[in-house]
Amino acid sequence: MFKQLVTLVRGQSNEGTQAVLDANALSLLRQQMRDAAQGVNKSRKAVAVVIAYAEREKASLNRLETQISDLEARALDALEQDSVDLASEAAGTIAQLEAERDTTRKVIEAYQTQILRLKQCLTENETCLRKMKRGQHLAEANDKAQRLSGVMPSGYINDLKDAEATLKRLQERQEHAEATATAMVELSAETSAESMTERLAEAGYGAPLKADAAAVLDRLKKKAQ
């Protein structure tokens, strides 16, 4: 039982740690990206330093080769003038310079190999860093979008639907009001026309609209005959 409790505590601790990491993932990513960028800058400086060392060795090699060539020419002149002892000393100096020259050549080769390796590593790191920066920008954009979504009212969709329904009812009432007004105008026109017709008929213009007693009596007399 005790072992199970320990395992449970460890599990809860790990889950809590993971939750903290998840909640601060973007901040953690930014710091890791800053660290990675600093690492790439250090690598770039390291390449520059190795290149500077290589250039210094190349300068030394040129100086040695110039000295060797000069001493060889002078030693040959000494031999031509039978200065064997001096030529022999020059030969010893030349041998030392040649040994130093050979060592310098090997150092330059080692530097060149190291430079190629460092440049390749630097290129890979820079490519990876650019890719990670693109991913970071995307993650930050998504985080901003999610934050904006989170601050919107939870019931805003229902509010929009309610507003849409209200607008629809308002438009329907307005259309009904317009139809009613049109009908009223038409009715008013019809009533006005009827009134004018009645007035003209009463004045004796045109056929009468209503039958009066005299007219009915005349009609009956005609039937009786």
Protein backbone atom coordinates (compact mmCIF):
# COMPACT_ATOMS: atom_id res chain seq x y z
CA MET A 1 0.00 0.00 0.00
CA PHE A 2 2.81 2.41 0.93
CA LYS A 3 4.51 1.76 -2.40
CA GLN A 4 1.28 2.52 -4.22
CA LEU A 5 0.89 5.78 -2.30
CA VAL A 6 4.45 6.79 -3.19
CA THR A 7 3.77 5.97 -6.84
CA LEU A 8 0.54 8.01 -6.72
CA VAL A 9 2.36 11.02 -5.20
CA ARG A 10 5.06 10.77 -7.84
CA GLY A 11 2.43 10.56 -10.56
CA GLN A 12 0.57 13.59 -9.25
CA SER A 13 3.85 15.49 -8.97
CA ASN A 14 4.76 14.67 -12.55
CA GLU A 15 1.30 15.64 -13.75
CA GLY A 16 1.52 18.90 -11.82
CA THR A 17 4.92 19.63 -13.32
CA GLN A 18 3.62 18.87 -16.80
CA ALA A 19 0.62 21.12 -16.23
CA VAL A 20 2.92 23.98 -15.25
CA LEU A 21 5.07 23.39 -18.31
CA ASP A 22 2.00 23.30 -20.55
CA ALA A 23 0.63 26.52 -19.06
CA ASN A 24 3.95 28.29 -19.64
CA ALA A 25 4.92 26.54 -22.87
CA LEU A 26 5.09 29.73 -24.93
CA SER A 27 7.30 31.54 -22.40
CA LEU A 28 9.49 28.45 -22.16
CA LEU A 29 9.72 28.30 -25.96
CA ARG A 30 10.76 31.97 -26.17
CA GLN A 31 13.54 31.45 -23.64
CA GLN A 32 14.73 28.28 -25.37
CA MET A 33 14.77 30.15 -28.69
CA ARG A 34 16.84 32.93 -27.13
CA ASP A 35 19.26 30.34 -25.75
CA ALA A 36 19.44 28.62 -29.14
CA ALA A 37 20.11 31.94 -30.90
CA GLN A 38 22.90 32.69 -28.46
CA GLY A 39 24.34 29.24 -29.10
CA VAL A 40 24.31 29.84 -32.86
CA ASN A 41 26.04 33.20 -32.36
CA LYS A 42 28.70 31.51 -30.24
CA SER A 43 29.19 28.88 -32.95
CA ARG A 44 29.52 31.63 -35.56
CA LYS A 45 32.17 33.37 -33.43
CA ALA A 46 33.97 30.05 -32.92
CA VAL A 47 34.17 29.57 -36.69
CA ALA A 48 35.52 33.10 -37.08
CA VAL A 49 38.15 32.45 -34.40
CA VAL A 50 39.33 29.21 -36.06
CA ILE A 51 39.47 30.97 -39.44
CA ALA A 52 41.58 33.73 -37.85
CA TYR A 53 43.95 31.10 -36.41
CA ALA A 54 44.21 29.43 -39.80
CA GLU A 55 44.99 32.73 -41.50
CA ARG A 56 47.69 33.42 -38.94
CA GLU A 57 49.28 30.02 -39.63
CA LYS A 58 49.09 30.68 -43.37
CA ALA A 59 50.96 33.94 -42.83
CA SER A 60 53.59 32.04 -40.82
CA LEU A 61 53.87 29.48 -43.60
CA ASN A 62 54.44 32.19 -46.18
CA ARG A 63 57.12 33.75 -43.98
CA LEU A 64 58.86 30.40 -43.49
CA GLU A 65 58.82 29.58 -47.18
CA THR A 66 60.24 33.02 -47.97
CA GLN A 67 63.02 32.54 -45.38
CA ILE A 68 63.81 29.06 -46.70
CA SER A 69 64.03 30.29 -50.27
CA ASP A 70 66.25 33.21 -49.25
CA LEU A 71 68.58 31.02 -47.16
CA GLU A 72 68.85 28.42 -49.92
CA ALA A 73 69.89 31.10 -52.40
CA ARG A 74 72.47 32.51 -49.98
CA ALA A 75 73.79 29.03 -49.10
CA LEU A 76 74.27 28.28 -52.81
CA ASP A 77 76.24 31.50 -53.16
CA ALA A 78 78.39 30.46 -50.19
CA LEU A 79 79.07 27.06 -51.74
CA GLU A 80 80.01 28.66 -55.03
CA GLN A 81 82.54 30.77 -53.14
CA ASP A 82 83.84 27.73 -51.22
CA SER A 83 82.36 28.91 -47.88
CA VAL A 84 81.44 25.37 -46.92
CA ASP A 85 81.25 25.98 -43.19
CA LEU A 86 78.87 28.90 -43.58
CA ALA A 87 76.84 26.98 -46.14
CA SER A 88 76.66 24.07 -43.72
CA GLU A 89 75.32 26.28 -40.94
CA ALA A 90 72.78 27.70 -43.37
CA ALA A 91 71.75 24.17 -44.28
CA GLY A 92 71.10 23.39 -40.60
CA THR A 93 68.95 26.49 -40.27
CA ILE A 94 67.08 25.58 -43.43
CA ALA A 95 66.38 22.09 -42.04
CA GLN A 96 64.88 23.59 -38.89
CA LEU A 97 62.77 25.98 -40.92
CA GLU A 98 61.57 23.14 -43.15
CA ALA A 99 60.53 21.10 -40.10
CA GLU A 100 58.65 24.11 -38.78
CA ARG A 101 57.11 24.63 -42.22
CA ASP A 102 55.89 21.03 -42.38
CA THR A 103 54.37 21.32 -38.90
CA THR A 104 52.66 24.57 -39.90
CA ARG A 105 51.20 22.89 -42.99
CA LYS A 106 49.73 20.13 -40.84
CA VAL A 107 48.28 22.71 -38.44
CA ILE A 108 46.66 24.54 -41.39
CA GLU A 109 45.21 21.27 -42.70
CA ALA A 110 43.79 20.54 -39.25
CA TYR A 111 42.30 24.02 -39.09
CA GLN A 112 40.80 23.64 -42.56
CA THR A 113 39.18 20.34 -41.58
CA GLN A 114 37.86 21.90 -38.39
CA ILE A 115 36.56 24.94 -40.30
CA LEU A 116 34.66 22.75 -42.76
CA ARG A 117 33.10 20.76 -39.92
CA LEU A 118 32.18 23.87 -37.95
CA LYS A 119 30.74 25.60 -41.01
CA GLN A 120 28.60 22.58 -41.81
CA CYS A 121 27.39 22.39 -38.21
CA LEU A 122 26.75 26.14 -38.19
CA THR A 123 24.73 25.93 -41.41
CA GLU A 124 22.61 23.11 -39.99
CA ASN A 125 22.05 25.03 -36.75
CA GLU A 126 21.13 28.24 -38.58
CA THR A 127 18.70 26.32 -40.80
CA CYS A 128 17.15 24.67 -37.75
CA LEU A 129 16.95 28.03 -35.95
CA ARG A 130 15.16 29.67 -38.89
CA LYS A 131 12.72 26.76 -39.01
CA MET A 132 12.13 27.01 -35.28
CA LYS A 133 11.55 30.78 -35.56
CA ARG A 134 8.88 30.17 -38.17
CA GLY A 135 7.28 27.65 -35.84
CA GLN A 136 7.55 30.11 -32.95
CA HIS A 137 5.80 32.84 -34.96
CA LEU A 138 3.03 30.41 -35.86
CA ALA A 139 2.65 29.31 -32.24
CA GLU A 140 2.50 32.93 -31.05
CA ALA A 141 -0.09 33.77 -33.71
CA ASN A 142 -2.22 30.79 -32.68
CA ASP A 143 -1.87 31.75 -29.02
CA LYS A 144 -3.05 35.31 -29.75
CA ALA A 145 -5.99 34.00 -31.77
CA GLN A 146 -6.97 31.63 -28.97
CA ARG A 147 -6.67 34.39 -26.39
CA LEU A 148 -8.92 36.65 -28.46
CA SER A 149 -11.42 33.83 -28.77
CA GLY A 150 -11.31 33.31 -25.03
CA VAL A 151 -12.22 36.92 -24.17
CA MET A 152 -15.36 36.92 -26.29
CA PRO A 153 -18.65 36.47 -24.33
CA SER A 154 -19.65 32.84 -24.11
CA GLY A 155 -23.23 33.56 -25.23
CA TYR A 156 -22.37 35.85 -28.11
CA ILE A 157 -23.63 33.34 -30.69
CA ASN A 158 -27.07 33.24 -29.03
CA ASP A 159 -27.04 37.03 -28.84
CA LEU A 160 -26.40 37.22 -32.56
CA LYS A 161 -29.26 34.82 -33.24
CA ASP A 162 -31.59 36.84 -31.01
CA ALA A 163 -30.57 40.05 -32.76
CA GLU A 164 -31.18 38.40 -36.12
CA ALA A 165 -34.68 37.34 -35.04
CA THR A 166 -35.44 40.84 -33.74
CA LEU A 167 -34.30 42.38 -36.99
CA LYS A 168 -36.47 39.97 -38.94
CA ARG A 169 -39.54 40.86 -36.84
CA LEU A 170 -38.82 44.56 -37.28
CA GLN A 171 -38.55 44.16 -41.05
CA GLU A 172 -41.82 42.21 -41.12
CA ARG A 173 -43.59 44.94 -39.11
CA GLN A 174 -42.23 47.60 -41.41
CA GLU A 175 -43.37 45.69 -44.49
CA HIS A 176 -46.84 45.25 -42.91
CA ALA A 177 -46.99 48.94 -42.08
CA GLU A 178 -46.11 49.85 -45.64
CA ALA A 179 -48.78 47.49 -47.01
CA THR A 180 -51.37 48.93 -44.61
CA ALA A 181 -50.54 52.48 -45.63
CA THR A 182 -50.87 51.57 -49.29
CA ALA A 183 -54.26 49.95 -48.69
CA MET A 184 -55.45 52.99 -46.77
CA VAL A 185 -54.51 55.25 -49.63
CA GLU A 186 -56.35 53.01 -52.08
CA LEU A 187 -59.43 52.86 -49.83
CA SER A 188 -59.36 56.60 -49.39
CA ALA A 189 -59.27 57.07 -53.15
CA GLU A 190 -62.17 54.66 -53.65
CA THR A 191 -64.27 56.37 -50.94
CA SER A 192 -63.60 59.76 -52.45
CA ALA A 193 -64.70 58.53 -55.88
CA GLU A 194 -67.93 57.01 -54.50
CA SER A 195 -68.75 60.19 -52.64
CA MET A 196 -68.31 62.26 -55.75
CA THR A 197 -70.53 59.85 -57.76
CA GLU A 198 -73.29 60.10 -55.18
CA ARG A 199 -73.13 63.86 -55.15
CA LEU A 200 -73.40 64.00 -58.92
CA ALA A 201 -76.33 61.55 -58.95
CA GLU A 202 -78.20 63.50 -56.28
CA ALA A 203 -77.75 66.64 -58.30
CA GLY A 204 -79.53 64.95 -61.20
CA TYR A 205 -76.52 64.27 -63.32
CA GLY A 206 -76.55 60.76 -64.75
CA ALA A 207 -78.57 57.77 -63.64
CA PRO A 208 -79.73 57.81 -60.04
CA LEU A 209 -77.91 55.46 -57.70
CA LYS A 210 -80.89 54.87 -55.35
CA ALA A 211 -84.49 54.04 -56.28
CA ASP A 212 -87.02 56.59 -54.88
CA ALA A 213 -90.81 56.21 -54.40
CA ALA A 214 -91.68 58.13 -57.57
CA ALA A 215 -89.54 55.91 -59.67
CA VAL A 216 -91.04 52.77 -58.12
CA LEU A 217 -94.63 54.10 -58.72
CA ASP A 218 -93.86 54.77 -62.38
CA ARG A 219 -92.46 51.28 -62.75
CA LEU A 220 -95.65 49.74 -61.19
CA LYS A 221 -97.97 51.78 -63.46
CA LYS A 222 -96.18 50.52 -66.48
CA LYS A 223 -96.58 46.94 -65.34
CA ALA A 224 -100.34 47.48 -64.66
CA GLN A 225 -100.97 48.75 -68.23
